[in-house]
Amino acid sequence: MTTDRIAAALDTLTRSGAIYASRIDDDKVVVSLDVVYAGPACDYDAETATRVAEIDAALQAIGLHFSDAGGEEDRQAEYFIYRAD
């Protein structure tokens, strides 16, 4: 997998509004998105769930797989870490 291919996928996701930031580290790709929760159980609303599914499908299509997720300080945002096989 080439960095160019990853960068192109991330650019597409950014332009579509699915993510607002991303970075490519040596061994992982980190994508961030604003999230909206549907209720106190921290379930995503329908629009956020659609974005998460779009991110997951696009990155899996180029050989990256979900590895970890977490929150970011001072935002209602989350980051997702993907790694190559």
PDB file of N, CA and C in Angstrom:
ATOM      1  N   MET A   1       0.832  -1.159   0.000  1.00  0.00           N
ATOM      2  CA  MET A   1       0.000   0.000   0.000  1.00  0.00           C
ATOM      3  C   MET A   1       0.889   1.238   0.000  1.00  0.00           C
ATOM      4  N   THR A   2       0.564   2.197  -0.837  1.00  0.00           N
ATOM      5  CA  THR A   2       1.393   3.383  -0.930  1.00  0.00           C
ATOM      6  C   THR A   2       0.779   4.540  -0.141  1.00  0.00           C
ATOM      7  N   THR A   3       1.646   5.435   0.297  1.00  0.00           N
ATOM      8  CA  THR A   3       1.180   6.625   1.000  1.00  0.00           C
ATOM      9  C   THR A   3       0.293   7.461   0.093  1.00  0.00           C
ATOM     10  N   ASP A   4       0.598   7.497  -1.202  1.00  0.00           N
ATOM     11  CA  ASP A   4      -0.227   8.263  -2.147  1.00  0.00           C
ATOM     12  C   ASP A   4      -1.655   7.749  -2.181  1.00  0.00           C
ATOM     13  N   ARG A   5      -1.811   6.450  -2.158  1.00  0.00           N
ATOM     14  CA  ARG A   5      -3.153   5.856  -2.190  1.00  0.00           C
ATOM     15  C   ARG A   5      -3.927   6.191  -0.917  1.00  0.00           C
ATOM     16  N   ILE A   6      -3.240   6.131   0.219  1.00  0.00           N
ATOM     17  CA  ILE A   6      -3.872   6.494   1.495  1.00  0.00           C
ATOM     18  C   ILE A   6      -4.248   7.978   1.479  1.00  0.00           C
ATOM     19  N   ALA A   7      -3.308   8.829   1.048  1.00  0.00           N
ATOM     20  CA  ALA A   7      -3.561  10.269   1.012  1.00  0.00           C
ATOM     21  C   ALA A   7      -4.747  10.597   0.110  1.00  0.00           C
ATOM     22  N   ALA A   8      -4.876   9.910  -1.008  1.00  0.00           N
ATOM     23  CA  ALA A   8      -5.995  10.151  -1.919  1.00  0.00           C
ATOM     24  C   ALA A   8      -7.321   9.783  -1.255  1.00  0.00           C
ATOM     25  N   ALA A   9      -7.359   8.666  -0.558  1.00  0.00           N
ATOM     26  CA  ALA A   9      -8.584   8.253   0.142  1.00  0.00           C
ATOM     27  C   ALA A   9      -8.941   9.252   1.235  1.00  0.00           C
ATOM     28  N   LEU A  10      -7.937   9.708   1.977  1.00  0.00           N
ATOM     29  CA  LEU A  10      -8.191  10.680   3.037  1.00  0.00           C
ATOM     30  C   LEU A  10      -8.667  12.010   2.458  1.00  0.00           C
ATOM     31  N   ASP A  11      -8.107  12.413   1.323  1.00  0.00           N
ATOM     32  CA  ASP A  11      -8.537  13.648   0.674  1.00  0.00           C
ATOM     33  C   ASP A  11     -10.001  13.558   0.251  1.00  0.00           C
ATOM     34  N   THR A  12     -10.386  12.428  -0.295  1.00  0.00           N
ATOM     35  CA  THR A  12     -11.780  12.223  -0.705  1.00  0.00           C
ATOM     36  C   THR A  12     -12.713  12.306   0.492  1.00  0.00           C
ATOM     37  N   LEU A  13     -12.333  11.672   1.599  1.00  0.00           N
ATOM     38  CA  LEU A  13     -13.161  11.705   2.805  1.00  0.00           C
ATOM     39  C   LEU A  13     -13.252  13.116   3.377  1.00  0.00           C
ATOM     40  N   THR A  14     -12.177  13.867   3.292  1.00  0.00           N
ATOM     41  CA  THR A  14     -12.190  15.242   3.796  1.00  0.00           C
ATOM     42  C   THR A  14     -13.092  16.117   2.937  1.00  0.00           C
ATOM     43  N   ARG A  15     -12.960  15.996   1.624  1.00  0.00           N
ATOM     44  CA  ARG A  15     -13.796  16.797   0.722  1.00  0.00           C
ATOM     45  C   ARG A  15     -15.272  16.454   0.853  1.00  0.00           C
ATOM     46  N   SER A  16     -15.589  15.196   1.166  1.00  0.00           N
ATOM     47  CA  SER A  16     -16.988  14.783   1.309  1.00  0.00           C
ATOM     48  C   SER A  16     -17.574  15.227   2.645  1.00  0.00           C
ATOM     49  N   GLY A  17     -16.714  15.667   3.558  1.00  0.00           N
ATOM     50  CA  GLY A  17     -17.188  16.079   4.874  1.00  0.00           C
ATOM     51  C   GLY A  17     -17.226  14.967   5.889  1.00  0.00           C
ATOM     52  N   ALA A  18     -16.805  13.769   5.516  1.00  0.00           N
ATOM     53  CA  ALA A  18     -16.838  12.651   6.461  1.00  0.00           C
ATOM     54  C   ALA A  18     -15.841  12.854   7.604  1.00  0.00           C
ATOM     55  N   ILE A  19     -14.678  13.432   7.291  1.00  0.00           N
ATOM     56  CA  ILE A  19     -13.683  13.706   8.319  1.00  0.00           C
ATOM     57  C   ILE A  19     -13.251  15.163   8.227  1.00  0.00           C
ATOM     58  N   TYR A  20     -12.733  15.687   9.329  1.00  0.00           N
ATOM     59  CA  TYR A  20     -12.237  17.057   9.270  1.00  0.00           C
ATOM     60  C   TYR A  20     -10.731  17.116   9.396  1.00  0.00           C
ATOM     61  N   ALA A  21     -10.099  16.040   9.811  1.00  0.00           N
ATOM     62  CA  ALA A  21      -8.637  16.028   9.924  1.00  0.00           C
ATOM     63  C   ALA A  21      -8.142  14.605   9.829  1.00  0.00           C
ATOM     64  N   SER A  22      -6.892  14.466   9.385  1.00  0.00           N
ATOM     65  CA  SER A  22      -6.288  13.140   9.323  1.00  0.00           C
ATOM     66  C   SER A  22      -4.779  13.293   9.334  1.00  0.00           C
ATOM     67  N   ARG A  23      -4.129  12.216   9.674  1.00  0.00           N
ATOM     68  CA  ARG A  23      -2.669  12.196   9.565  1.00  0.00           C
ATOM     69  C   ARG A  23      -2.225  10.767   9.298  1.00  0.00           C
ATOM     70  N   ILE A  24      -1.103  10.661   8.613  1.00  0.00           N
ATOM     71  CA  ILE A  24      -0.515   9.363   8.310  1.00  0.00           C
ATOM     72  C   ILE A  24       0.771   9.263   9.120  1.00  0.00           C
ATOM     73  N   ASP A  25       0.803   8.344  10.070  1.00  0.00           N
ATOM     74  CA  ASP A  25       2.008   8.080  10.850  1.00  0.00           C
ATOM     75  C   ASP A  25       2.715   6.881  10.232  1.00  0.00           C
ATOM     76  N   ASP A  26       3.862   6.522  10.781  1.00  0.00           N
ATOM     77  CA  ASP A  26       4.632   5.404  10.235  1.00  0.00           C
ATOM     78  C   ASP A  26       3.838   4.115  10.160  1.00  0.00           C
ATOM     79  N   ASP A  27       3.083   3.811  11.209  1.00  0.00           N
ATOM     80  CA  ASP A  27       2.417   2.509  11.266  1.00  0.00           C
ATOM     81  C   ASP A  27       0.897   2.604  11.349  1.00  0.00           C
ATOM     82  N   LYS A  28       0.350   3.815  11.228  1.00  0.00           N
ATOM     83  CA  LYS A  28      -1.102   3.944  11.348  1.00  0.00           C
ATOM     84  C   LYS A  28      -1.603   5.196  10.654  1.00  0.00           C
ATOM     85  N   VAL A  29      -2.915   5.205  10.428  1.00  0.00           N
ATOM     86  CA  VAL A  29      -3.619   6.359   9.898  1.00  0.00           C
ATOM     87  C   VAL A  29      -4.626   6.779  10.960  1.00  0.00           C
ATOM     88  N   VAL A  30      -4.654   8.071  11.273  1.00  0.00           N
ATOM     89  CA  VAL A  30      -5.575   8.591  12.273  1.00  0.00           C
ATOM     90  C   VAL A  30      -6.523   9.559  11.580  1.00  0.00           C
ATOM     91  N   VAL A  31      -7.817   9.316  11.713  1.00  0.00           N
ATOM     92  CA  VAL A  31      -8.819  10.211  11.151  1.00  0.00           C
ATOM     93  C   VAL A  31      -9.683  10.743  12.285  1.00  0.00           C
ATOM     94  N   SER A  32     -10.113  11.988  12.154  1.00  0.00           N
ATOM     95  CA  SER A  32     -10.939  12.623  13.179  1.00  0.00           C
ATOM     96  C   SER A  32     -12.225  13.129  12.554  1.00  0.00           C
ATOM     97  N   LEU A  33     -13.309  13.068  13.322  1.00  0.00           N
ATOM     98  CA  LEU A  33     -14.567  13.611  12.853  1.00  0.00           C
ATOM     99  C   LEU A  33     -15.346  14.170  14.017  1.00  0.00           C
ATOM    100  N   ASP A  34     -16.149  15.190  13.729  1.00  0.00           N
ATOM    101  CA  ASP A  34     -17.087  15.696  14.722  1.00  0.00           C
ATOM    102  C   ASP A  34     -18.197  14.666  14.841  1.00  0.00           C
ATOM    103  N   VAL A  35     -18.656  14.449  16.065  1.00  0.00           N
ATOM    104  CA  VAL A  35     -19.711  13.468  16.270  1.00  0.00           C
ATOM    105  C   VAL A  35     -20.890  14.119  16.978  1.00  0.00           C
ATOM    106  N   VAL A  36     -22.065  13.569  16.731  1.00  0.00           N
ATOM    107  CA  VAL A  36     -23.279  13.972  17.419  1.00  0.00           C
ATOM    108  C   VAL A  36     -23.873  12.708  18.012  1.00  0.00           C
ATOM    109  N   TYR A  37     -24.198  12.776  19.284  1.00  0.00           N
ATOM    110  CA  TYR A  37     -24.752  11.614  19.966  1.00  0.00           C
ATOM    111  C   TYR A  37     -26.273  11.690  20.000  1.00  0.00           C
ATOM    112  N   ALA A  38     -26.903  10.534  19.875  1.00  0.00           N
ATOM    113  CA  ALA A  38     -28.360  10.471  19.840  1.00  0.00           C
ATOM    114  C   ALA A  38     -28.970  10.428  21.236  1.00  0.00           C
ATOM    115  N   GLY A  39     -28.183  10.078  22.233  1.00  0.00           N
ATOM    116  CA  GLY A  39     -28.734   9.979  23.579  1.00  0.00           C
ATOM    117  C   GLY A  39     -27.642   9.760  24.599  1.00  0.00           C
ATOM    118  N   PRO A  40     -28.015   9.556  25.837  1.00  0.00           N
ATOM    119  CA  PRO A  40     -27.028   9.438  26.915  1.00  0.00           C
ATOM    120  C   PRO A  40     -26.147   8.191  26.822  1.00  0.00           C
ATOM    121  N   ALA A  41     -26.529   7.229  26.021  1.00  0.00           N
ATOM    122  CA  ALA A  41     -25.723   6.007  25.876  1.00  0.00           C
ATOM    123  C   ALA A  41     -24.557   6.220  24.919  1.00  0.00           C
ATOM    124  N   CYS A  42     -24.395   7.442  24.423  1.00  0.00           N
ATOM    125  CA  CYS A  42     -23.320   7.793  23.489  1.00  0.00           C
ATOM    126  C   CYS A  42     -23.419   7.049  22.163  1.00  0.00           C
ATOM    127  N   ASP A  43     -24.637   6.693  21.780  1.00  0.00           N
ATOM    128  CA  ASP A  43     -24.842   6.152  20.437  1.00  0.00           C
ATOM    129  C   ASP A  43     -24.808   7.319  19.460  1.00  0.00           C
ATOM    130  N   TYR A  44     -24.204   7.097  18.289  1.00  0.00           N
ATOM    131  CA  TYR A  44     -24.159   8.150  17.285  1.00  0.00           C
ATOM    132  C   TYR A  44     -25.540   8.415  16.706  1.00  0.00           C
ATOM    133  N   ASP A  45     -25.776   9.656  16.300  1.00  0.00           N
ATOM    134  CA  ASP A  45     -26.993   9.936  15.549  1.00  0.00           C
ATOM    135  C   ASP A  45     -26.829   9.341  14.152  1.00  0.00           C
ATOM    136  N   ALA A  46     -27.893   9.376  13.357  1.00  0.00           N
ATOM    137  CA  ALA A  46     -27.877   8.713  12.046  1.00  0.00           C
ATOM    138  C   ALA A  46     -26.808   9.294  11.128  1.00  0.00           C
ATOM    139  N   GLU A  47     -26.634  10.622  11.118  1.00  0.00           N
ATOM    140  CA  GLU A  47     -25.647  11.242  10.232  1.00  0.00           C
ATOM    141  C   GLU A  47     -24.226  10.835  10.627  1.00  0.00           C
ATOM    142  N   THR A  48     -23.943  10.829  11.917  1.00  0.00           N
ATOM    143  CA  THR A  48     -22.610  10.417  12.374  1.00  0.00           C
ATOM    144  C   THR A  48     -22.369   8.949  12.056  1.00  0.00           C
ATOM    145  N   ALA A  49     -23.360   8.102  12.280  1.00  0.00           N
ATOM    146  CA  ALA A  49     -23.216   6.675  11.980  1.00  0.00           C
ATOM    147  C   ALA A  49     -22.924   6.458  10.495  1.00  0.00           C
ATOM    148  N   THR A  50     -23.568   7.251   9.631  1.00  0.00           N
ATOM    149  CA  THR A  50     -23.321   7.157   8.190  1.00  0.00           C
ATOM    150  C   THR A  50     -21.886   7.548   7.873  1.00  0.00           C
ATOM    151  N   ARG A  51     -21.399   8.619   8.501  1.00  0.00           N
ATOM    152  CA  ARG A  51     -20.013   9.050   8.276  1.00  0.00           C
ATOM    153  C   ARG A  51     -19.020   7.989   8.728  1.00  0.00           C
ATOM    154  N   VAL A  52     -19.259   7.405   9.897  1.00  0.00           N
ATOM    155  CA  VAL A  52     -18.360   6.365  10.403  1.00  0.00           C
ATOM    156  C   VAL A  52     -18.332   5.180   9.438  1.00  0.00           C
ATOM    157  N   ALA A  53     -19.484   4.788   8.922  1.00  0.00           N
ATOM    158  CA  ALA A  53     -19.550   3.677   7.967  1.00  0.00           C
ATOM    159  C   ALA A  53     -18.811   4.033   6.679  1.00  0.00           C
ATOM    160  N   GLU A  54     -18.928   5.286   6.217  1.00  0.00           N
ATOM    161  CA  GLU A  54     -18.236   5.732   5.001  1.00  0.00           C
ATOM    162  C   GLU A  54     -16.716   5.679   5.192  1.00  0.00           C
ATOM    163  N   ILE A  55     -16.258   6.165   6.327  1.00  0.00           N
ATOM    164  CA  ILE A  55     -14.828   6.122   6.642  1.00  0.00           C
ATOM    165  C   ILE A  55     -14.335   4.683   6.653  1.00  0.00           C
ATOM    166  N   ASP A  56     -15.055   3.838   7.367  1.00  0.00           N
ATOM    167  CA  ASP A  56     -14.647   2.437   7.502  1.00  0.00           C
ATOM    168  C   ASP A  56     -14.578   1.745   6.149  1.00  0.00           C
ATOM    169  N   ALA A  57     -15.594   1.931   5.325  1.00  0.00           N
ATOM    170  CA  ALA A  57     -15.622   1.282   4.004  1.00  0.00           C
ATOM    171  C   ALA A  57     -14.487   1.786   3.119  1.00  0.00           C
ATOM    172  N   ALA A  58     -14.260   3.102   3.111  1.00  0.00           N
ATOM    173  CA  ALA A  58     -13.219   3.669   2.247  1.00  0.00           C
ATOM    174  C   ALA A  58     -11.834   3.188   2.653  1.00  0.00           C
ATOM    175  N   LEU A  59     -11.563   3.145   3.946  1.00  0.00           N
ATOM    176  CA  LEU A  59     -10.231   2.737   4.385  1.00  0.00           C
ATOM    177  C   LEU A  59     -10.033   1.225   4.278  1.00  0.00           C
ATOM    178  N   GLN A  60     -11.078   0.444   4.522  1.00  0.00           N
ATOM    179  CA  GLN A  60     -10.947  -0.999   4.315  1.00  0.00           C
ATOM    180  C   GLN A  60     -10.717  -1.324   2.846  1.00  0.00           C
ATOM    181  N   ALA A  61     -11.298  -0.536   1.953  1.00  0.00           N
ATOM    182  CA  ALA A  61     -11.136  -0.775   0.514  1.00  0.00           C
ATOM    183  C   ALA A  61      -9.688  -0.632   0.061  1.00  0.00           C
ATOM    184  N   ILE A  62      -8.883   0.116   0.810  1.00  0.00           N
ATOM    185  CA  ILE A  62      -7.470   0.262   0.448  1.00  0.00           C
ATOM    186  C   ILE A  62      -6.556  -0.531   1.373  1.00  0.00           C
ATOM    187  N   GLY A  63      -7.152  -1.448   2.155  1.00  0.00           N
ATOM    188  CA  GLY A  63      -6.348  -2.358   2.964  1.00  0.00           C
ATOM    189  C   GLY A  63      -6.040  -1.907   4.373  1.00  0.00           C
ATOM    190  N   LEU A  64      -6.748  -0.889   4.862  1.00  0.00           N
ATOM    191  CA  LEU A  64      -6.580  -0.463   6.250  1.00  0.00           C
ATOM    192  C   LEU A  64      -7.733  -0.988   7.081  1.00  0.00           C
ATOM    193  N   HIS A  65      -7.437  -1.359   8.318  1.00  0.00           N
ATOM    194  CA  HIS A  65      -8.473  -1.912   9.184  1.00  0.00           C
ATOM    195  C   HIS A  65      -8.503  -1.181  10.511  1.00  0.00           C
ATOM    196  N   PHE A  66      -9.712  -1.019  11.052  1.00  0.00           N
ATOM    197  CA  PHE A  66      -9.914  -0.324  12.310  1.00  0.00           C
ATOM    198  C   PHE A  66      -9.076  -0.951  13.413  1.00  0.00           C
ATOM    199  N   SER A  67      -8.420  -0.115  14.198  1.00  0.00           N
ATOM    200  CA  SER A  67      -7.575  -0.594  15.281  1.00  0.00           C
ATOM    201  C   SER A  67      -8.009  -0.076  16.644  1.00  0.00           C
ATOM    202  N   ASP A  68      -8.406   1.203  16.724  1.00  0.00           N
ATOM    203  CA  ASP A  68      -8.707   1.806  18.020  1.00  0.00           C
ATOM    204  C   ASP A  68      -9.513   3.082  17.816  1.00  0.00           C
ATOM    205  N   ALA A  69     -10.203   3.517  18.863  1.00  0.00           N
ATOM    206  CA  ALA A  69     -10.951   4.777  18.823  1.00  0.00           C
ATOM    207  C   ALA A  69     -10.844   5.453  20.172  1.00  0.00           C
ATOM    208  N   GLY A  70     -11.062   6.740  20.170  1.00  0.00           N
ATOM    209  CA  GLY A  70     -11.035   7.465  21.427  1.00  0.00           C
ATOM    210  C   GLY A  70     -11.529   8.876  21.254  1.00  0.00           C
ATOM    211  N   GLY A  71     -11.614   9.610  22.357  1.00  0.00           N
ATOM    212  CA  GLY A  71     -12.093  10.987  22.318  1.00  0.00           C
ATOM    213  C   GLY A  71     -10.946  11.966  22.184  1.00  0.00           C
ATOM    214  N   GLU A  72     -11.290  13.190  21.887  1.00  0.00           N
ATOM    215  CA  GLU A  72     -10.326  14.279  21.838  1.00  0.00           C
ATOM    216  C   GLU A  72     -10.778  15.343  22.826  1.00  0.00           C
ATOM    217  N   GLU A  73      -9.856  15.974  23.490  1.00  0.00           N
ATOM    218  CA  GLU A  73     -10.195  16.963  24.493  1.00  0.00           C
ATOM    219  C   GLU A  73     -10.823  18.199  23.872  1.00  0.00           C
ATOM    220  N   ASP A  74     -11.732  18.813  24.634  1.00  0.00           N
ATOM    221  CA  ASP A  74     -12.327  20.105  24.293  1.00  0.00           C
ATOM    222  C   ASP A  74     -13.112  20.108  22.989  1.00  0.00           C
ATOM    223  N   ARG A  75     -13.587  18.978  22.551  1.00  0.00           N
ATOM    224  CA  ARG A  75     -14.424  18.913  21.349  1.00  0.00           C
ATOM    225  C   ARG A  75     -15.394  17.762  21.535  1.00  0.00           C
ATOM    226  N   GLN A  76     -16.477  17.839  20.851  1.00  0.00           N
ATOM    227  CA  GLN A  76     -17.320  16.657  20.753  1.00  0.00           C
ATOM    228  C   GLN A  76     -16.877  15.981  19.465  1.00  0.00           C
ATOM    229  N   ALA A  77     -15.742  15.305  19.574  1.00  0.00           N
ATOM    230  CA  ALA A  77     -15.090  14.705  18.414  1.00  0.00           C
ATOM    231  C   ALA A  77     -14.483  13.379  18.827  1.00  0.00           C
ATOM    232  N   GLU A  78     -14.208  12.571  17.864  1.00  0.00           N
ATOM    233  CA  GLU A  78     -13.539  11.307  18.114  1.00  0.00           C
ATOM    234  C   GLU A  78     -12.494  11.082  17.042  1.00  0.00           C
ATOM    235  N   TYR A  79     -11.509  10.285  17.389  1.00  0.00           N
ATOM    236  CA  TYR A  79     -10.529   9.900  16.398  1.00  0.00           C
ATOM    237  C   TYR A  79     -10.580   8.390  16.234  1.00  0.00           C
ATOM    238  N   PHE A  80     -10.225   7.942  15.055  1.00  0.00           N
ATOM    239  CA  PHE A  80     -10.217   6.516  14.716  1.00  0.00           C
ATOM    240  C   PHE A  80      -8.851   6.176  14.160  1.00  0.00           C
ATOM    241  N   ILE A  81      -8.273   5.103  14.642  1.00  0.00           N
ATOM    242  CA  ILE A  81      -6.956   4.663  14.173  1.00  0.00           C
ATOM    243  C   ILE A  81      -7.136   3.430  13.293  1.00  0.00           C
ATOM    244  N   TYR A  82      -6.513   3.479  12.126  1.00  0.00           N
ATOM    245  CA  TYR A  82      -6.531   2.365  11.189  1.00  0.00           C
ATOM    246  C   TYR A  82      -5.088   1.933  10.921  1.00  0.00           C
ATOM    247  N   ARG A  83      -4.907   0.650  10.711  1.00  0.00           N
ATOM    248  CA  ARG A  83      -3.595   0.097  10.419  1.00  0.00           C
ATOM    249  C   ARG A  83      -3.672  -0.831   9.207  1.00  0.00           C
ATOM    250  N   ALA A  84      -2.544  -0.992   8.547  1.00  0.00           N
ATOM    251  CA  ALA A  84      -2.476  -1.917   7.412  1.00  0.00           C
ATOM    252  C   ALA A  84      -2.440  -3.348   7.940  1.00  0.00           C
ATOM    253  N   ASP A  85      -2.806  -4.273   7.079  1.00  0.00           N
ATOM    254  CA  ASP A  85      -2.752  -5.703   7.431  1.00  0.00           C
ATOM    255  C   ASP A  85      -1.345  -6.107   7.801  1.00  0.00           C
TER     256      ASP A  85
END
